[in-house]
Amino acid sequence: MGYSIAIELTLKEMKTLRTLRNLALAGGCVILFMPATAQDNPKLSDEEVASVAVTANQIDINQARLAKERSKNTQVLQFAETMANDHKAVIGQASALVKKLGVTPKDNAVSRQLLADAAKTEKVLKTKKGKEFDKAYIDNEVAYHKAVISAVKGLLIPETENQELKDLLQNILPALDAHLQHAQMLQKQYAAK
C-alpha cells in the first residue's frame, strides 16, 4: 500500500490504546482504537482513511475464511459467508472509488494496529475448536463490528475530506449495523446454551 506515514500519539492516547488492546486480547477479540472524543482523533488523510477502511474489511474477510475452515455449525458458516461476501463487496466499491479519484491508500498507524490486533486474534481463534471456536468467533464479530461502527462514525467519516469517500463510508453503516445485529443474535443463542 504506499509508504508509511507516522501518526504522533500523545502519551495519554498511547496508554489508552495499550489498555484497549490488552482488554481486547484478554477477551479474544479485536478492538479498533478509538479516542474518547473526536478532537483526540489521529489526523488521517483520505488516502489513510481508505487504507483503514480496506484493512478493516479485509480483516473480517480473513476471519470469515477461518470460520469457514474451522466451524461445522450451519448458522456460523452462513454468517461467515455473509461477512466474506459483504466485505468483499465493500472492498470492491472502495477500490473502484479510489481508482476513480486517483487515490492510493496509504498505510498508517491505525491500519497497522488493526493488522497487529487481527493477527493476535487469529492466533487465539486458532487455538479453539468446535463450539468453543464458534462462540469465540461470534463474540469477536460482535466486538469487532461495534468497534468498526464506532470508528467509521467517530474517526473515518470526520477525517474524510472527499465527499464521495465520505458517502461510501456513510452508506456502509447500515450493512455494518445489520452484521452486528446478526452476530448479536447468534451470540444470544450461545449464551442460552
N, C-alpha and C. Protein backbone atom coordinates (compact mmCIF):
# COMPACT_ATOMS: atom_id res chain seq x y z
N MET A 1 0.83 -1.19 0.00
CA MET A 1 0.00 0.00 0.00
C MET A 1 0.86 1.22 0.00
N GLY A 2 1.40 1.94 -0.41
CA GLY A 2 2.13 3.16 -0.28
C GLY A 2 3.09 3.14 0.89
N TYR A 3 3.83 4.23 1.04
CA TYR A 3 4.78 4.30 2.14
C TYR A 3 4.07 4.65 3.43
N SER A 4 4.75 4.36 4.54
CA SER A 4 4.16 4.60 5.86
C SER A 4 4.21 6.07 6.23
N ILE A 5 3.20 6.51 6.91
CA ILE A 5 3.18 7.85 7.48
C ILE A 5 2.94 7.66 8.97
N ALA A 6 3.87 8.17 9.76
CA ALA A 6 3.73 8.03 11.20
C ALA A 6 2.71 9.02 11.71
N ILE A 7 1.89 8.57 12.65
CA ILE A 7 0.92 9.43 13.31
C ILE A 7 1.39 9.58 14.74
N GLU A 8 1.59 10.81 15.16
CA GLU A 8 2.04 11.03 16.52
C GLU A 8 0.87 10.87 17.47
N LEU A 9 1.09 10.08 18.49
CA LEU A 9 0.08 9.87 19.52
C LEU A 9 0.58 10.47 20.82
N THR A 10 -0.31 11.08 21.54
CA THR A 10 0.07 11.61 22.84
C THR A 10 0.27 10.44 23.78
N LEU A 11 0.95 10.70 24.88
CA LEU A 11 1.19 9.66 25.88
C LEU A 11 -0.13 9.09 26.38
N LYS A 12 -1.12 9.95 26.57
CA LYS A 12 -2.45 9.51 27.02
C LYS A 12 -3.09 8.60 25.98
N GLU A 13 -3.00 8.97 24.69
CA GLU A 13 -3.59 8.14 23.63
C GLU A 13 -2.89 6.79 23.53
N MET A 14 -1.55 6.78 23.68
CA MET A 14 -0.82 5.52 23.62
C MET A 14 -1.22 4.62 24.79
N LYS A 15 -1.38 5.20 25.97
CA LYS A 15 -1.80 4.42 27.14
C LYS A 15 -3.21 3.86 26.92
N THR A 16 -4.11 4.70 26.38
CA THR A 16 -5.47 4.25 26.08
C THR A 16 -5.44 3.11 25.06
N LEU A 17 -4.62 3.26 24.03
CA LEU A 17 -4.50 2.23 23.00
C LEU A 17 -4.00 0.93 23.60
N ARG A 18 -2.96 1.00 24.44
CA ARG A 18 -2.43 -0.20 25.07
C ARG A 18 -3.48 -0.88 25.95
N THR A 19 -4.23 -0.08 26.70
CA THR A 19 -5.27 -0.63 27.58
C THR A 19 -6.35 -1.32 26.77
N LEU A 20 -6.82 -0.65 25.71
CA LEU A 20 -7.86 -1.25 24.86
C LEU A 20 -7.36 -2.53 24.20
N ARG A 21 -6.12 -2.50 23.72
CA ARG A 21 -5.56 -3.68 23.07
C ARG A 21 -5.46 -4.83 24.06
N ASN A 22 -5.00 -4.55 25.27
CA ASN A 22 -4.89 -5.60 26.28
C ASN A 22 -6.26 -6.17 26.65
N LEU A 23 -7.26 -5.29 26.77
CA LEU A 23 -8.62 -5.77 27.05
C LEU A 23 -9.13 -6.62 25.90
N ALA A 24 -8.86 -6.19 24.69
CA ALA A 24 -9.32 -6.94 23.52
C ALA A 24 -8.69 -8.31 23.48
N LEU A 25 -7.39 -8.38 23.71
CA LEU A 25 -6.71 -9.67 23.66
C LEU A 25 -7.17 -10.58 24.78
N ALA A 26 -7.43 -10.01 25.94
CA ALA A 26 -7.92 -10.82 27.05
C ALA A 26 -9.26 -11.46 26.71
N GLY A 27 -10.08 -10.77 25.96
CA GLY A 27 -11.37 -11.29 25.57
C GLY A 27 -11.33 -12.09 24.29
N GLY A 28 -10.17 -12.17 23.65
CA GLY A 28 -10.05 -12.92 22.41
C GLY A 28 -10.71 -12.22 21.24
N CYS A 29 -10.73 -10.88 21.24
CA CYS A 29 -11.36 -10.17 20.14
C CYS A 29 -10.55 -8.93 19.79
N VAL A 30 -10.80 -8.38 18.63
CA VAL A 30 -10.11 -7.17 18.19
C VAL A 30 -10.95 -5.97 18.55
N ILE A 31 -10.31 -4.95 19.11
CA ILE A 31 -10.97 -3.68 19.37
C ILE A 31 -10.22 -2.62 18.58
N LEU A 32 -10.93 -1.90 17.76
CA LEU A 32 -10.34 -0.82 16.98
C LEU A 32 -10.09 0.37 17.88
N PHE A 33 -8.92 0.95 17.78
CA PHE A 33 -8.56 2.10 18.60
C PHE A 33 -9.47 3.27 18.27
N MET A 34 -10.13 3.77 19.28
CA MET A 34 -10.98 4.95 19.12
C MET A 34 -10.72 5.90 20.28
N PRO A 35 -10.22 7.10 19.99
CA PRO A 35 -10.05 8.07 21.06
C PRO A 35 -11.39 8.42 21.69
N ALA A 36 -11.32 8.99 22.88
CA ALA A 36 -12.54 9.30 23.64
C ALA A 36 -13.38 10.37 22.97
N THR A 37 -12.75 11.34 22.32
CA THR A 37 -13.50 12.40 21.67
C THR A 37 -12.96 12.63 20.27
N ALA A 38 -13.77 13.22 19.41
CA ALA A 38 -13.36 13.47 18.04
C ALA A 38 -12.12 14.34 17.97
N GLN A 39 -11.96 15.27 18.91
CA GLN A 39 -10.79 16.15 18.87
C GLN A 39 -9.51 15.39 19.19
N ASP A 40 -9.61 14.19 19.79
CA ASP A 40 -8.44 13.37 20.07
C ASP A 40 -8.08 12.45 18.90
N ASN A 41 -8.89 12.45 17.84
CA ASN A 41 -8.64 11.58 16.70
C ASN A 41 -7.27 11.84 16.09
N PRO A 42 -6.60 10.75 15.65
CA PRO A 42 -5.40 10.99 14.87
C PRO A 42 -5.82 11.65 13.55
N LYS A 43 -4.99 12.48 13.01
CA LYS A 43 -5.30 13.13 11.75
C LYS A 43 -4.99 12.16 10.62
N LEU A 44 -5.97 11.87 9.80
CA LEU A 44 -5.81 10.95 8.68
C LEU A 44 -6.15 11.65 7.37
N SER A 45 -5.34 11.41 6.37
CA SER A 45 -5.65 11.90 5.03
C SER A 45 -6.69 10.96 4.41
N ASP A 46 -7.27 11.35 3.29
CA ASP A 46 -8.21 10.47 2.61
C ASP A 46 -7.53 9.16 2.20
N GLU A 47 -6.25 9.24 1.83
CA GLU A 47 -5.50 8.02 1.46
C GLU A 47 -5.38 7.09 2.66
N GLU A 48 -5.18 7.66 3.84
CA GLU A 48 -5.06 6.85 5.05
C GLU A 48 -6.42 6.31 5.49
N VAL A 49 -7.47 7.10 5.34
CA VAL A 49 -8.83 6.62 5.63
C VAL A 49 -9.15 5.44 4.73
N ALA A 50 -8.81 5.55 3.45
CA ALA A 50 -9.06 4.45 2.51
C ALA A 50 -8.31 3.19 2.95
N SER A 51 -7.08 3.35 3.41
CA SER A 51 -6.31 2.20 3.88
C SER A 51 -6.96 1.55 5.09
N VAL A 52 -7.41 2.35 6.05
CA VAL A 52 -8.07 1.81 7.25
C VAL A 52 -9.34 1.06 6.85
N ALA A 53 -10.12 1.65 5.95
CA ALA A 53 -11.38 1.02 5.52
C ALA A 53 -11.12 -0.32 4.85
N VAL A 54 -10.17 -0.35 3.94
CA VAL A 54 -9.86 -1.60 3.24
C VAL A 54 -9.31 -2.64 4.22
N THR A 55 -8.42 -2.20 5.10
CA THR A 55 -7.84 -3.10 6.10
C THR A 55 -8.91 -3.71 7.00
N ALA A 56 -9.81 -2.88 7.50
CA ALA A 56 -10.87 -3.37 8.40
C ALA A 56 -11.74 -4.40 7.70
N ASN A 57 -12.07 -4.14 6.43
CA ASN A 57 -12.90 -5.10 5.68
C ASN A 57 -12.13 -6.39 5.41
N GLN A 58 -10.85 -6.28 5.06
CA GLN A 58 -10.05 -7.47 4.78
C GLN A 58 -9.89 -8.33 6.02
N ILE A 59 -9.76 -7.71 7.17
CA ILE A 59 -9.65 -8.47 8.42
C ILE A 59 -10.90 -9.32 8.62
N ASP A 60 -12.07 -8.76 8.38
CA ASP A 60 -13.30 -9.54 8.57
C ASP A 60 -13.41 -10.66 7.54
N ILE A 61 -12.93 -10.42 6.33
CA ILE A 61 -12.90 -11.47 5.30
C ILE A 61 -11.99 -12.61 5.76
N ASN A 62 -10.82 -12.26 6.26
CA ASN A 62 -9.87 -13.28 6.72
C ASN A 62 -10.43 -14.08 7.89
N GLN A 63 -11.09 -13.42 8.81
CA GLN A 63 -11.66 -14.14 9.94
C GLN A 63 -12.84 -15.01 9.51
N ALA A 64 -13.59 -14.55 8.52
CA ALA A 64 -14.68 -15.37 7.97
C ALA A 64 -14.10 -16.62 7.29
N ARG A 65 -12.99 -16.45 6.60
CA ARG A 65 -12.33 -17.60 5.95
C ARG A 65 -11.93 -18.62 7.01
N LEU A 66 -11.38 -18.14 8.13
CA LEU A 66 -11.00 -19.03 9.22
C LEU A 66 -12.23 -19.76 9.78
N ALA A 67 -13.33 -19.04 9.94
CA ALA A 67 -14.57 -19.65 10.44
C ALA A 67 -15.07 -20.72 9.47
N LYS A 68 -14.97 -20.44 8.18
CA LYS A 68 -15.43 -21.43 7.19
C LYS A 68 -14.55 -22.68 7.19
N GLU A 69 -13.30 -22.53 7.61
CA GLU A 69 -12.40 -23.69 7.70
C GLU A 69 -12.63 -24.49 8.98
N ARG A 70 -12.97 -23.81 10.08
CA ARG A 70 -12.97 -24.46 11.39
C ARG A 70 -14.35 -24.82 11.94
N SER A 71 -15.38 -24.13 11.49
CA SER A 71 -16.70 -24.36 12.08
C SER A 71 -17.46 -25.45 11.32
N LYS A 72 -18.31 -26.11 12.06
CA LYS A 72 -19.23 -27.09 11.46
C LYS A 72 -20.68 -26.64 11.66
N ASN A 73 -20.87 -25.53 12.37
CA ASN A 73 -22.19 -25.01 12.68
C ASN A 73 -22.75 -24.28 11.47
N THR A 74 -23.92 -24.71 11.00
CA THR A 74 -24.53 -24.14 9.81
C THR A 74 -24.76 -22.64 9.93
N GLN A 75 -25.24 -22.17 11.08
CA GLN A 75 -25.51 -20.74 11.25
C GLN A 75 -24.21 -19.93 11.24
N VAL A 76 -23.18 -20.45 11.87
CA VAL A 76 -21.89 -19.76 11.89
C VAL A 76 -21.32 -19.73 10.47
N LEU A 77 -21.42 -20.83 9.76
CA LEU A 77 -20.91 -20.89 8.39
C LEU A 77 -21.67 -19.92 7.47
N GLN A 78 -22.99 -19.83 7.64
CA GLN A 78 -23.77 -18.88 6.84
C GLN A 78 -23.39 -17.44 7.18
N PHE A 79 -23.20 -17.17 8.46
CA PHE A 79 -22.79 -15.84 8.89
C PHE A 79 -21.42 -15.50 8.29
N ALA A 80 -20.48 -16.42 8.38
CA ALA A 80 -19.14 -16.20 7.83
C ALA A 80 -19.20 -15.95 6.33
N GLU A 81 -20.03 -16.68 5.64
CA GLU A 81 -20.19 -16.48 4.19
C GLU A 81 -20.73 -15.08 3.90
N THR A 82 -21.70 -14.65 4.68
CA THR A 82 -22.25 -13.29 4.53
C THR A 82 -21.16 -12.26 4.78
N MET A 83 -20.38 -12.45 5.84
CA MET A 83 -19.29 -11.50 6.15
C MET A 83 -18.31 -11.42 4.99
N ALA A 84 -17.90 -12.57 4.49
CA ALA A 84 -16.93 -12.59 3.39
C ALA A 84 -17.49 -11.87 2.16
N ASN A 85 -18.70 -12.22 1.77
CA ASN A 85 -19.29 -11.62 0.57
C ASN A 85 -19.53 -10.12 0.72
N ASP A 86 -20.10 -9.72 1.84
CA ASP A 86 -20.42 -8.30 2.04
C ASP A 86 -19.16 -7.45 2.12
N HIS A 87 -18.16 -7.94 2.84
CA HIS A 87 -16.94 -7.15 3.00
C HIS A 87 -16.11 -7.13 1.72
N LYS A 88 -16.17 -8.21 0.92
CA LYS A 88 -15.52 -8.18 -0.40
C LYS A 88 -16.20 -7.14 -1.29
N ALA A 89 -17.51 -7.05 -1.20
CA ALA A 89 -18.24 -6.05 -1.99
C ALA A 89 -17.84 -4.63 -1.60
N VAL A 90 -17.67 -4.39 -0.30
CA VAL A 90 -17.24 -3.06 0.16
C VAL A 90 -15.84 -2.74 -0.35
N ILE A 91 -14.94 -3.73 -0.29
CA ILE A 91 -13.59 -3.50 -0.81
C ILE A 91 -13.66 -3.20 -2.31
N GLY A 92 -14.54 -3.91 -3.02
CA GLY A 92 -14.72 -3.64 -4.44
C GLY A 92 -15.18 -2.22 -4.70
N GLN A 93 -16.15 -1.76 -3.91
CA GLN A 93 -16.65 -0.39 -4.06
C GLN A 93 -15.56 0.62 -3.72
N ALA A 94 -14.83 0.37 -2.64
CA ALA A 94 -13.76 1.28 -2.23
C ALA A 94 -12.65 1.31 -3.27
N SER A 95 -12.30 0.16 -3.81
CA SER A 95 -11.25 0.10 -4.83
C SER A 95 -11.64 0.86 -6.08
N ALA A 96 -12.89 0.69 -6.49
CA ALA A 96 -13.37 1.42 -7.67
C ALA A 96 -13.35 2.93 -7.42
N LEU A 97 -13.75 3.33 -6.21
CA LEU A 97 -13.79 4.76 -5.90
C LEU A 97 -12.39 5.35 -5.83
N VAL A 98 -11.46 4.68 -5.15
CA VAL A 98 -10.12 5.25 -5.05
C VAL A 98 -9.44 5.30 -6.42
N LYS A 99 -9.76 4.33 -7.28
CA LYS A 99 -9.22 4.36 -8.65
C LYS A 99 -9.80 5.57 -9.39
N LYS A 100 -11.09 5.77 -9.27
CA LYS A 100 -11.75 6.90 -9.92
C LYS A 100 -11.18 8.23 -9.43
N LEU A 101 -10.94 8.31 -8.12
CA LEU A 101 -10.43 9.55 -7.52
C LEU A 101 -8.92 9.71 -7.67
N GLY A 102 -8.25 8.65 -8.11
CA GLY A 102 -6.80 8.70 -8.21
C GLY A 102 -6.11 8.70 -6.86
N VAL A 103 -6.74 8.06 -5.88
CA VAL A 103 -6.22 8.00 -4.52
C VAL A 103 -5.55 6.64 -4.32
N THR A 104 -4.36 6.64 -3.75
CA THR A 104 -3.67 5.40 -3.41
C THR A 104 -3.71 5.26 -1.89
N PRO A 105 -4.38 4.20 -1.39
CA PRO A 105 -4.42 4.02 0.07
C PRO A 105 -3.01 4.00 0.66
N LYS A 106 -2.85 4.68 1.80
CA LYS A 106 -1.55 4.76 2.46
C LYS A 106 -1.62 4.08 3.81
N ASP A 107 -0.66 3.22 4.03
CA ASP A 107 -0.50 2.57 5.33
C ASP A 107 -0.33 3.64 6.40
N ASN A 108 -0.80 3.36 7.61
CA ASN A 108 -0.70 4.32 8.69
C ASN A 108 -0.78 3.59 10.03
N ALA A 109 -0.62 4.32 11.11
CA ALA A 109 -0.60 3.70 12.44
C ALA A 109 -1.90 2.97 12.76
N VAL A 110 -3.04 3.49 12.34
CA VAL A 110 -4.32 2.86 12.64
C VAL A 110 -4.44 1.54 11.88
N SER A 111 -4.13 1.54 10.58
CA SER A 111 -4.24 0.29 9.82
C SER A 111 -3.22 -0.74 10.30
N ARG A 112 -2.02 -0.29 10.66
CA ARG A 112 -1.01 -1.23 11.18
C ARG A 112 -1.47 -1.84 12.51
N GLN A 113 -2.09 -1.03 13.36
CA GLN A 113 -2.58 -1.55 14.64
C GLN A 113 -3.71 -2.56 14.43
N LEU A 114 -4.58 -2.26 13.49
CA LEU A 114 -5.65 -3.20 13.15
C LEU A 114 -5.07 -4.55 12.74
N LEU A 115 -4.07 -4.52 11.87
CA LEU A 115 -3.45 -5.77 11.39
C LEU A 115 -2.76 -6.52 12.52
N ALA A 116 -2.07 -5.80 13.38
CA ALA A 116 -1.39 -6.46 14.51
C ALA A 116 -2.41 -7.11 15.45
N ASP A 117 -3.47 -6.39 15.76
CA ASP A 117 -4.51 -6.95 16.64
C ASP A 117 -5.21 -8.14 15.97
N ALA A 118 -5.44 -8.03 14.68
CA ALA A 118 -6.10 -9.13 13.96
C ALA A 118 -5.24 -10.39 13.97
N ALA A 119 -3.94 -10.23 13.84
CA ALA A 119 -3.04 -11.39 13.88
C ALA A 119 -3.11 -12.07 15.25
N LYS A 120 -3.16 -11.27 16.30
CA LYS A 120 -3.26 -11.83 17.66
C LYS A 120 -4.61 -12.52 17.86
N THR A 121 -5.66 -11.93 17.34
CA THR A 121 -6.99 -12.53 17.47
C THR A 121 -7.04 -13.85 16.70
N GLU A 122 -6.48 -13.85 15.50
CA GLU A 122 -6.47 -15.08 14.70
C GLU A 122 -5.70 -16.18 15.43
N LYS A 123 -4.61 -15.81 16.06
CA LYS A 123 -3.83 -16.79 16.81
C LYS A 123 -4.67 -17.40 17.94
N VAL A 124 -5.43 -16.56 18.64
CA VAL A 124 -6.31 -17.04 19.72
C VAL A 124 -7.40 -17.94 19.14
N LEU A 125 -8.03 -17.49 18.06
CA LEU A 125 -9.11 -18.28 17.45
C LEU A 125 -8.61 -19.65 16.99
N LYS A 126 -7.39 -19.71 16.50
CA LYS A 126 -6.84 -20.99 16.01
C LYS A 126 -6.59 -21.99 17.13
N THR A 127 -6.62 -21.54 18.38
CA THR A 127 -6.43 -22.46 19.50
C THR A 127 -7.75 -23.12 19.90
N LYS A 128 -8.84 -22.69 19.32
CA LYS A 128 -10.17 -23.17 19.72
C LYS A 128 -10.76 -24.11 18.67
N LYS A 129 -11.62 -24.98 19.13
CA LYS A 129 -12.27 -25.96 18.25
C LYS A 129 -13.74 -26.05 18.59
N GLY A 130 -14.51 -26.55 17.63
CA GLY A 130 -15.92 -26.84 17.86
C GLY A 130 -16.72 -25.65 18.35
N LYS A 131 -17.57 -25.92 19.34
CA LYS A 131 -18.44 -24.88 19.88
C LYS A 131 -17.64 -23.74 20.52
N GLU A 132 -16.50 -24.08 21.11
CA GLU A 132 -15.65 -23.05 21.72
C GLU A 132 -15.16 -22.07 20.64
N PHE A 133 -14.79 -22.60 19.47
CA PHE A 133 -14.39 -21.73 18.36
C PHE A 133 -15.56 -20.87 17.91
N ASP A 134 -16.71 -21.51 17.70
CA ASP A 134 -17.88 -20.78 17.21
C ASP A 134 -18.22 -19.61 18.14
N LYS A 135 -18.22 -19.87 19.44
CA LYS A 135 -18.55 -18.81 20.40
C LYS A 135 -17.50 -17.69 20.35
N ALA A 136 -16.23 -18.07 20.32
CA ALA A 136 -15.16 -17.06 20.29
C ALA A 136 -15.23 -16.24 19.00
N TYR A 137 -15.51 -16.89 17.88
CA TYR A 137 -15.62 -16.18 16.60
C TYR A 137 -16.78 -15.19 16.64
N ILE A 138 -17.93 -15.64 17.11
CA ILE A 138 -19.10 -14.76 17.15
C ILE A 138 -18.89 -13.63 18.17
N ASP A 139 -18.33 -13.94 19.33
CA ASP A 139 -18.04 -12.88 20.30
C ASP A 139 -17.11 -11.83 19.68
N ASN A 140 -16.11 -12.30 18.95
CA ASN A 140 -15.19 -11.38 18.28
C ASN A 140 -15.93 -10.54 17.25
N GLU A 141 -16.83 -11.14 16.49
CA GLU A 141 -17.57 -10.41 15.46
C GLU A 141 -18.44 -9.31 16.08
N VAL A 142 -19.04 -9.60 17.22
CA VAL A 142 -19.84 -8.58 17.91
C VAL A 142 -18.94 -7.41 18.31
N ALA A 143 -17.85 -7.72 18.99
CA ALA A 143 -16.93 -6.67 19.44
C ALA A 143 -16.32 -5.92 18.26
N TYR A 144 -15.94 -6.65 17.23
CA TYR A 144 -15.29 -6.04 16.07
C TYR A 144 -16.25 -5.10 15.34
N HIS A 145 -17.49 -5.54 15.13
CA HIS A 145 -18.45 -4.68 14.44
C HIS A 145 -18.81 -3.45 15.26
N LYS A 146 -18.91 -3.60 16.57
CA LYS A 146 -19.15 -2.42 17.42
C LYS A 146 -18.00 -1.43 17.25
N ALA A 147 -16.77 -1.94 17.29
CA ALA A 147 -15.60 -1.07 17.17
C ALA A 147 -15.51 -0.42 15.79
N VAL A 148 -15.79 -1.19 14.75
CA VAL A 148 -15.71 -0.65 13.39
C VAL A 148 -16.79 0.41 13.17
N ILE A 149 -17.99 0.15 13.64
CA ILE A 149 -19.07 1.15 13.51
C ILE A 149 -18.66 2.43 14.22
N SER A 150 -18.13 2.29 15.42
CA SER A 150 -17.67 3.45 16.17
C SER A 150 -16.56 4.19 15.43
N ALA A 151 -15.64 3.44 14.85
CA ALA A 151 -14.52 4.05 14.11
C ALA A 151 -15.00 4.76 12.85
N VAL A 152 -15.93 4.14 12.13
CA VAL A 152 -16.45 4.77 10.91
C VAL A 152 -17.14 6.08 11.28
N LYS A 153 -17.98 6.04 12.32
CA LYS A 153 -18.71 7.25 12.72
C LYS A 153 -17.81 8.29 13.37
N GLY A 154 -16.90 7.86 14.24
CA GLY A 154 -16.15 8.79 15.06
C GLY A 154 -14.77 9.17 14.54
N LEU A 155 -14.24 8.39 13.59
CA LEU A 155 -12.89 8.66 13.09
C LEU A 155 -12.87 8.82 11.58
N LEU A 156 -13.31 7.81 10.87
CA LEU A 156 -13.14 7.82 9.41
C LEU A 156 -13.99 8.89 8.73
N ILE A 157 -15.28 8.95 9.04
CA ILE A 157 -16.13 9.96 8.41
C ILE A 157 -15.67 11.37 8.76
N PRO A 158 -15.41 11.68 10.04
CA PRO A 158 -14.96 13.04 10.36
C PRO A 158 -13.62 13.42 9.70
N GLU A 159 -12.74 12.44 9.48
CA GLU A 159 -11.43 12.73 8.91
C GLU A 159 -11.44 12.80 7.38
N THR A 160 -12.51 12.32 6.76
CA THR A 160 -12.57 12.26 5.30
C THR A 160 -12.95 13.62 4.73
N GLU A 161 -12.15 14.05 3.76
CA GLU A 161 -12.42 15.32 3.10
C GLU A 161 -13.22 15.14 1.82
N ASN A 162 -12.94 14.08 1.07
CA ASN A 162 -13.62 13.85 -0.20
C ASN A 162 -15.06 13.39 0.05
N GLN A 163 -16.02 14.08 -0.54
CA GLN A 163 -17.43 13.78 -0.28
C GLN A 163 -17.83 12.39 -0.77
N GLU A 164 -17.28 11.93 -1.89
CA GLU A 164 -17.64 10.60 -2.40
C GLU A 164 -17.14 9.50 -1.45
N LEU A 165 -15.94 9.67 -0.93
CA LEU A 165 -15.42 8.70 0.04
C LEU A 165 -16.24 8.75 1.32
N LYS A 166 -16.59 9.95 1.75
CA LYS A 166 -17.43 10.11 2.95
C LYS A 166 -18.78 9.44 2.74
N ASP A 167 -19.37 9.62 1.55
CA ASP A 167 -20.66 8.99 1.23
C ASP A 167 -20.56 7.47 1.28
N LEU A 168 -19.47 6.93 0.73
CA LEU A 168 -19.28 5.48 0.76
C LEU A 168 -19.24 4.99 2.20
N LEU A 169 -18.51 5.68 3.04
CA LEU A 169 -18.42 5.29 4.45
C LEU A 169 -19.79 5.37 5.13
N GLN A 170 -20.54 6.41 4.84
CA GLN A 170 -21.87 6.55 5.43
C GLN A 170 -22.82 5.47 4.90
N ASN A 171 -22.66 5.11 3.64
CA ASN A 171 -23.54 4.12 3.03
C ASN A 171 -23.29 2.70 3.51
N ILE A 172 -22.09 2.42 4.05
CA ILE A 172 -21.84 1.06 4.55
C ILE A 172 -22.31 0.86 5.99
N LEU A 173 -22.64 1.95 6.67
CA LEU A 173 -23.08 1.83 8.07
C LEU A 173 -24.30 0.93 8.26
N PRO A 174 -25.34 1.02 7.42
CA PRO A 174 -26.49 0.11 7.62
C PRO A 174 -26.10 -1.37 7.51
N ALA A 175 -25.19 -1.70 6.60
CA ALA A 175 -24.75 -3.10 6.49
C ALA A 175 -23.96 -3.51 7.72
N LEU A 176 -23.12 -2.62 8.21
CA LEU A 176 -22.37 -2.94 9.43
C LEU A 176 -23.31 -3.13 10.61
N ASP A 177 -24.34 -2.30 10.71
CA ASP A 177 -25.34 -2.45 11.76
C ASP A 177 -26.07 -3.79 11.64
N ALA A 178 -26.40 -4.18 10.40
CA ALA A 178 -27.07 -5.46 10.17
C ALA A 178 -26.15 -6.62 10.57
N HIS A 179 -24.87 -6.51 10.25
CA HIS A 179 -23.91 -7.55 10.64
C HIS A 179 -23.85 -7.66 12.16
N LEU A 180 -23.81 -6.51 12.83
CA LEU A 180 -23.76 -6.51 14.29
C LEU A 180 -25.01 -7.17 14.87
N GLN A 181 -26.17 -6.82 14.36
CA GLN A 181 -27.41 -7.41 14.87
C GLN A 181 -27.43 -8.92 14.64
N HIS A 182 -26.97 -9.38 13.48
CA HIS A 182 -26.92 -10.80 13.18
C HIS A 182 -25.96 -11.51 14.15
N ALA A 183 -24.79 -10.91 14.37
CA ALA A 183 -23.81 -11.51 15.28
C ALA A 183 -24.36 -11.54 16.72
N GLN A 184 -25.04 -10.47 17.12
CA GLN A 184 -25.62 -10.44 18.47
C GLN A 184 -26.70 -11.50 18.63
N MET A 185 -27.48 -11.75 17.59
CA MET A 185 -28.50 -12.79 17.63
C MET A 185 -27.83 -14.16 17.85
N LEU A 186 -26.75 -14.43 17.10
CA LEU A 186 -26.03 -15.68 17.27
C LEU A 186 -25.38 -15.76 18.64
N GLN A 187 -24.87 -14.65 19.12
CA GLN A 187 -24.24 -14.59 20.43
C GLN A 187 -25.24 -14.96 21.53
N LYS A 188 -26.48 -14.45 21.41
CA LYS A 188 -27.51 -14.76 22.40
C LYS A 188 -27.83 -16.25 22.39
N GLN A 189 -27.80 -16.86 21.21
CA GLN A 189 -28.06 -18.30 21.14
C GLN A 189 -26.99 -19.09 21.88
N TYR A 190 -25.74 -18.64 21.79
CA TYR A 190 -24.66 -19.32 22.52
C TYR A 190 -24.77 -19.09 24.01
N ALA A 191 -25.24 -17.91 24.41
CA ALA A 191 -25.40 -17.60 25.84
C ALA A 191 -26.52 -18.44 26.44
N ALA A 192 -27.53 -18.76 25.65
CA ALA A 192 -28.68 -19.54 26.14
C ALA A 192 -28.35 -21.02 26.32
N LYS A 193 -27.28 -21.47 25.68
CA LYS A 193 -26.92 -22.91 25.75
C LYS A 193 -26.19 -23.25 27.00
